[in-house]
Every structure is written in structure tokens, then in C-alpha cells.
Amino acid sequence: MYITVDIENFAILREIGDQKNPDPVAAAILLDLAGIDYILAPFSPHKKYLRISDFQRLAEAIPQAFKIAITAHETSMQLINSISPSHVTFVPGREQATKEGGLNVLRLEAQLRNMLYQLKEQKITTAAFVDPDPKLINFCAKLGFYDIVLNSNSYANAKTDNELASEYARLAQSCLRADKHDMQVAVKGGLNHKNIIHLNNIKQLEEIIIDESFIARSALIGIEKAANEIKDKINFSNSKNLI
């Protein structure tokens, strides 16, 4: 199981602070040294917490571990053309999300098809951040996405054991469907060092992406300890079986 950390929140803290610290690129390098497999940096023309210079520095500092997320806007392609990443994940921009929070691939089909063609020409692989629904997985495979990132916010926000089991089942079923299309599967949204443990049971799941919770945890115990805590949870095999 690969572990990825989204570093946007380090950039948000920088914006509300002195505009210099914390440096998200420095945080990314520390995460890489701590054994985190990948670093995810989201770009949006409407949210410019991460700067163009950040993406350029990340591409130079950790080229093998650096991943980028973009929205379905042509301005995103300008950044892609300047740094030439090997992989891109599409996430919702303004008015591009479903009610649950995933990318509305059905409504954005025309835009996505055009951008996917351009990325394929550059030999850049792609993933879509979508709600856990097998029908959406089928649609993404038909559209030409290589991989899937499942929206795990409903799982993370489940209030009861029944809700948790139901949302877990949705993720597991979507992972199975993606696997049938030979798509690699990741999960992202609301995950932390406590609720990731059950996800270890989903054999088709290959990557877990931690976002907001990581910076909160690292503020308490430090980046290296927070990274090791996540790695330990992923490697722990005696989790409760919810299936």
C-alpha cells in the first residue's frame, strides 16, 4: 500500500502567516525523507495557495515522488506544459463537484475528453477523483482515465457502525470495479491515522492519500513521527473485518 500526503495545507498556513513559512516544498522533502511514497500538490486557478514556483521546485527536488492534481480548466494545461509531470489527477474546481464532493465527470465529459487527449499525446497518465460508484468507474474507464481516486469523505464522516460498514462496502465495490478495468485505485478525503486501518482489508486498494488531518497531527508530534504513525497503521494487519 502506497502512502501519499497532500501538502496544500502547508501552503494555506503560509498564506495566513508570514507568506514564507511553512515552506510546502521543505515539508515535501521532509516527508520524502521520512518514507512517504508520494507527495500530492493540487493546482487550481481559483485557489492559488501553492504557487507556480512551488510546483517547479517540487518537480526538481523530488521528481520521482511528486504528483500533481489539477482541475478541468485550460489554465491547468499551461502548468502541465511547463513542468511535464508523469501523472495527473483531476479534482473538482469551482462548480465542478457532485453533492458528495467528487469530480462531476458526467457533466464535464467534453472538457475532460479534450484535456485527456492532450495529456495522452504527452504520455502523461491520468486519474479521476470520483465518488465511490461502480457506474462512475465504468464511465471513467470509457473516457480514457488510467487510474481512479475514490472520494472517501462519506466513509470518514460516518457517524454509526452501520454507516461505516455501508460506506466501506461502497469503497470496496468500487475498488473491485476499477480492478476489472485494470485501473489502479487510491482513496482520498477525510482520512487520518485512526480511520485508515480498516482500509487495509481492501486488496485492490493500492494507495491512501492523507490531506488535512496530516498537518494537524504533524503540528502536535512533528512531521517524521506523523509519517511513521501513518506507515505503522497501514502495515498493521490485525484490523477488524467489516465485510
Protein backbone atom coordinates (compact mmCIF):
# COMPACT_ATOMS: atom_id res chain seq x y z
CA MET A 1 0.00 0.00 0.00
CA TYR A 2 1.43 3.37 -1.05
CA ILE A 3 1.05 6.42 1.17
CA THR A 4 0.63 9.91 -0.27
CA VAL A 5 0.36 13.21 1.60
CA ASP A 6 -1.40 16.25 0.14
CA ILE A 7 0.72 19.30 1.02
CA GLU A 8 -1.77 22.06 0.16
CA ASN A 9 -2.47 22.80 3.83
CA PHE A 10 1.17 23.67 4.42
CA ALA A 11 0.72 26.30 1.70
CA ILE A 12 -2.53 27.56 3.30
CA LEU A 13 -0.70 28.09 6.58
CA ARG A 14 1.98 30.01 4.71
CA GLU A 15 -0.63 32.33 3.19
CA ILE A 16 -2.19 33.20 6.54
CA GLY A 17 1.23 33.58 8.15
CA ASP A 18 4.29 35.49 7.01
CA GLN A 19 4.00 34.39 3.34
CA LYS A 20 7.24 32.40 3.74
CA ASN A 21 6.69 29.71 6.36
CA PRO A 22 5.98 26.89 6.48
CA ASP A 23 7.55 26.20 3.11
CA PRO A 24 5.46 23.41 1.49
CA VAL A 25 8.44 22.28 -0.59
CA ALA A 26 10.59 21.89 2.52
CA ALA A 27 7.72 19.92 4.10
CA ALA A 28 7.55 17.71 0.99
CA ILE A 29 11.29 16.96 1.19
CA LEU A 30 10.96 16.04 4.88
CA LEU A 31 8.03 13.74 4.05
CA ASP A 32 10.07 12.10 1.31
CA LEU A 33 12.96 11.55 3.72
CA ALA A 34 10.51 10.13 6.29
CA GLY A 35 9.49 7.40 3.84
CA ILE A 36 6.21 8.78 2.48
CA ASP A 37 5.86 7.33 -1.03
CA TYR A 38 4.32 10.29 -2.87
CA ILE A 39 3.61 13.98 -2.40
CA LEU A 40 0.42 15.40 -3.93
CA ALA A 41 0.30 19.09 -4.87
CA PRO A 42 -3.07 20.42 -6.10
CA PHE A 43 -3.28 23.28 -8.60
CA SER A 44 -6.39 25.35 -9.19
CA PRO A 45 -6.77 28.70 -10.98
CA HIS A 46 -9.25 29.71 -8.25
CA LYS A 47 -7.14 28.64 -5.23
CA LYS A 48 -3.53 29.74 -5.52
CA TYR A 49 -2.13 28.61 -2.20
CA LEU A 50 0.55 26.60 -3.97
CA ARG A 51 2.50 28.89 -6.28
CA ILE A 52 3.85 28.12 -9.74
CA SER A 53 7.33 28.33 -8.28
CA ASP A 54 6.36 25.66 -5.72
CA PHE A 55 5.43 23.22 -8.48
CA GLN A 56 8.67 23.92 -10.30
CA ARG A 57 10.71 23.40 -7.13
CA LEU A 58 8.85 20.18 -6.31
CA ALA A 59 9.47 18.81 -9.79
CA GLU A 60 13.19 19.45 -9.33
CA ALA A 61 13.52 18.36 -5.68
CA ILE A 62 11.51 15.12 -5.64
CA PRO A 63 10.78 14.20 -9.28
CA GLN A 64 10.06 10.51 -8.56
CA ALA A 65 7.70 11.22 -5.63
CA PHE A 66 5.92 14.32 -6.97
CA LYS A 67 2.28 14.06 -8.08
CA ILE A 68 0.04 16.88 -9.23
CA ALA A 69 -3.73 17.36 -9.05
CA ILE A 70 -5.48 19.75 -11.43
CA THR A 71 -8.96 21.00 -12.25
CA ALA A 72 -10.61 20.74 -15.65
CA HIS A 73 -9.56 24.20 -16.84
CA GLU A 74 -7.28 25.10 -19.74
CA THR A 75 -5.09 27.15 -17.39
CA SER A 76 -4.13 23.85 -15.76
CA MET A 77 -2.61 22.74 -19.05
CA GLN A 78 -0.24 25.72 -19.01
CA LEU A 79 1.26 24.45 -15.76
CA ILE A 80 1.40 20.86 -17.07
CA ASN A 81 3.27 22.02 -20.16
CA SER A 82 5.81 23.87 -18.04
CA ILE A 83 6.72 21.04 -15.62
CA SER A 84 5.87 17.87 -17.63
CA PRO A 85 4.70 15.57 -14.81
CA SER A 86 4.37 11.83 -15.42
CA HIS A 87 0.93 11.58 -13.78
CA VAL A 88 -2.02 13.94 -13.22
CA THR A 89 -5.13 13.57 -11.04
CA PHE A 90 -8.28 15.54 -11.91
CA VAL A 91 -10.07 17.00 -8.90
CA PRO A 92 -13.12 19.32 -8.74
CA GLY A 93 -12.68 23.02 -9.28
CA ARG A 94 -15.29 25.68 -8.62
CA GLU A 95 -18.78 24.35 -9.53
CA GLN A 96 -17.27 21.06 -10.77
CA ALA A 97 -18.14 18.81 -7.82
CA THR A 98 -21.02 16.46 -7.16
CA LYS A 99 -23.08 16.83 -3.98
CA GLU A 100 -20.83 14.24 -2.34
CA GLY A 101 -17.69 16.11 -3.40
CA GLY A 102 -16.24 14.04 -6.23
CA LEU A 103 -15.48 15.33 -9.72
CA ASN A 104 -18.65 15.57 -11.82
CA VAL A 105 -17.25 13.58 -14.73
CA LEU A 106 -20.66 13.22 -16.38
CA ARG A 107 -21.23 16.97 -16.67
CA LEU A 108 -17.60 17.70 -17.59
CA GLU A 109 -17.27 14.98 -20.23
CA ALA A 110 -16.43 17.30 -23.15
CA GLN A 111 -13.79 19.27 -21.23
CA LEU A 112 -12.23 16.14 -19.81
CA ARG A 113 -12.15 14.34 -23.14
CA ASN A 114 -10.24 17.24 -24.71
CA MET A 115 -7.73 17.50 -21.86
CA LEU A 116 -7.23 13.74 -21.68
CA TYR A 117 -6.38 13.71 -25.37
CA GLN A 118 -3.73 16.40 -24.84
CA LEU A 119 -2.24 14.57 -21.86
CA LYS A 120 -2.19 11.25 -23.68
CA GLU A 121 -0.28 12.92 -26.52
CA GLN A 122 2.33 13.91 -23.93
CA LYS A 123 2.36 10.37 -22.49
CA ILE A 124 1.06 11.59 -19.13
CA THR A 125 -1.12 9.11 -17.23
CA THR A 126 -4.28 10.33 -15.54
CA ALA A 127 -6.65 9.63 -12.64
CA ALA A 128 -10.08 10.98 -11.69
CA PHE A 129 -11.22 11.80 -8.15
CA VAL A 130 -14.79 10.46 -8.12
CA ASP A 131 -17.46 9.29 -5.70
CA PRO A 132 -17.43 5.54 -4.97
CA ASP A 133 -19.92 4.37 -7.60
CA PRO A 134 -19.19 1.47 -9.99
CA LYS A 135 -21.11 3.25 -12.77
CA LEU A 136 -18.78 6.23 -12.49
CA ILE A 137 -15.79 3.90 -12.61
CA ASN A 138 -17.13 2.40 -15.85
CA PHE A 139 -17.61 5.88 -17.29
CA CYS A 140 -14.08 6.99 -16.33
CA ALA A 141 -12.58 3.88 -17.91
CA LYS A 142 -14.52 4.53 -21.11
CA LEU A 143 -13.45 8.17 -21.08
CA GLY A 144 -9.79 7.14 -21.01
CA PHE A 145 -8.59 7.59 -17.43
CA TYR A 146 -5.83 5.23 -16.37
CA ASP A 147 -6.49 5.30 -12.61
CA ILE A 148 -9.16 6.16 -10.04
CA VAL A 149 -9.04 8.11 -6.77
CA LEU A 150 -12.15 7.36 -4.72
CA ASN A 151 -13.76 10.06 -2.60
CA SER A 152 -13.66 8.67 0.95
CA ASN A 153 -15.28 11.62 2.74
CA SER A 154 -18.56 9.78 3.36
CA TYR A 155 -16.62 6.86 4.84
CA ALA A 156 -14.55 9.21 7.00
CA ASN A 157 -17.64 11.09 8.22
CA ALA A 158 -19.77 8.03 9.03
CA LYS A 159 -21.49 8.51 12.39
CA THR A 160 -22.61 4.94 13.20
CA ASP A 161 -21.22 1.44 12.74
CA ASN A 162 -23.92 0.73 10.14
CA GLU A 163 -22.99 3.85 8.16
CA LEU A 164 -19.32 2.94 8.40
CA ALA A 165 -19.95 -0.59 7.12
CA SER A 166 -22.12 0.74 4.28
CA GLU A 167 -19.54 3.30 3.15
CA TYR A 168 -16.75 0.77 3.47
CA ALA A 169 -18.74 -1.56 1.20
CA ARG A 170 -19.14 1.23 -1.38
CA LEU A 171 -15.38 1.76 -1.43
CA ALA A 172 -14.68 -1.97 -1.65
CA GLN A 173 -17.17 -2.48 -4.50
CA SER A 174 -15.74 0.47 -6.42
CA CYS A 175 -12.22 -0.89 -5.95
CA LEU A 176 -13.35 -4.21 -7.40
CA ARG A 177 -14.89 -2.49 -10.41
CA ALA A 178 -11.77 -0.42 -11.04
CA ASP A 179 -9.66 -3.56 -10.80
CA LYS A 180 -11.77 -5.16 -13.55
CA HIS A 181 -10.77 -2.24 -15.77
CA ASP A 182 -7.08 -2.70 -14.78
CA MET A 183 -7.15 0.70 -13.10
CA GLN A 184 -5.04 1.40 -10.04
CA VAL A 185 -7.10 2.68 -7.11
CA ALA A 186 -6.43 5.27 -4.40
CA VAL A 187 -8.67 6.82 -1.74
CA LYS A 188 -8.70 10.43 -0.56
CA GLY A 189 -10.86 12.57 1.68
CA GLY A 190 -11.13 12.89 5.46
CA LEU A 191 -8.65 10.11 6.19
CA ASN A 192 -6.46 10.11 9.28
CA HIS A 193 -4.24 7.86 11.39
CA LYS A 194 -7.31 6.31 13.05
CA ASN A 195 -9.79 5.61 10.24
CA ILE A 196 -7.34 4.25 7.66
CA ILE A 197 -6.76 0.98 9.47
CA HIS A 198 -9.85 -0.81 8.08
CA LEU A 199 -8.93 0.10 4.51
CA ASN A 200 -6.02 -2.30 4.71
CA ASN A 201 -8.54 -5.11 4.14
CA ILE A 202 -9.37 -3.97 0.59
CA LYS A 203 -6.93 -5.96 -1.53
CA GLN A 204 -7.48 -3.93 -4.70
CA LEU A 205 -6.67 -0.64 -2.95
CA GLU A 206 -3.12 0.47 -3.75
CA GLU A 207 -2.78 3.97 -2.35
CA ILE A 208 -4.07 6.05 0.56
CA ILE A 209 -3.91 9.85 0.33
CA ILE A 210 -3.90 11.85 3.57
CA ASP A 211 -4.85 15.52 3.40
CA GLU A 212 -5.99 17.96 6.12
CA SER A 213 -5.50 15.66 9.09
CA PHE A 214 -1.77 15.24 8.46
CA ILE A 215 -0.79 18.83 9.10
CA ALA A 216 -2.86 18.89 12.29
CA ARG A 217 -1.16 15.73 13.50
CA SER A 218 2.31 16.90 12.49
CA ALA A 219 1.77 20.16 14.40
CA LEU A 220 1.37 18.06 17.56
CA ILE A 221 4.03 15.38 17.12
CA GLY A 222 6.20 16.52 14.20
CA ILE A 223 6.33 15.55 10.53
CA GLU A 224 8.56 12.49 10.95
CA LYS A 225 6.51 10.99 13.80
CA ALA A 226 3.23 11.70 11.98
CA ALA A 227 4.59 9.99 8.87
CA ASN A 228 5.77 6.97 10.86
CA GLU A 229 2.40 6.76 12.60
CA ILE A 230 0.60 6.54 9.26
CA LYS A 231 3.05 3.93 7.97
CA ASP A 232 2.60 1.83 11.12
CA LYS A 233 -1.19 1.91 10.78
CA ILE A 234 -1.03 0.82 7.15
CA ASN A 235 1.29 -2.05 7.99
CA PHE A 236 -0.83 -3.21 10.92
CA SER A 237 -2.62 -6.34 9.70
CA ASN A 238 -4.93 -7.23 12.58
CA SER A 239 -7.67 -4.74 11.69
CA LYS A 240 -11.34 -5.54 12.17
CA ASN A 241 -13.00 -7.05 9.11
CA LEU A 242 -16.05 -5.02 8.12
CA ILE A 243 -17.09 -7.09 5.08
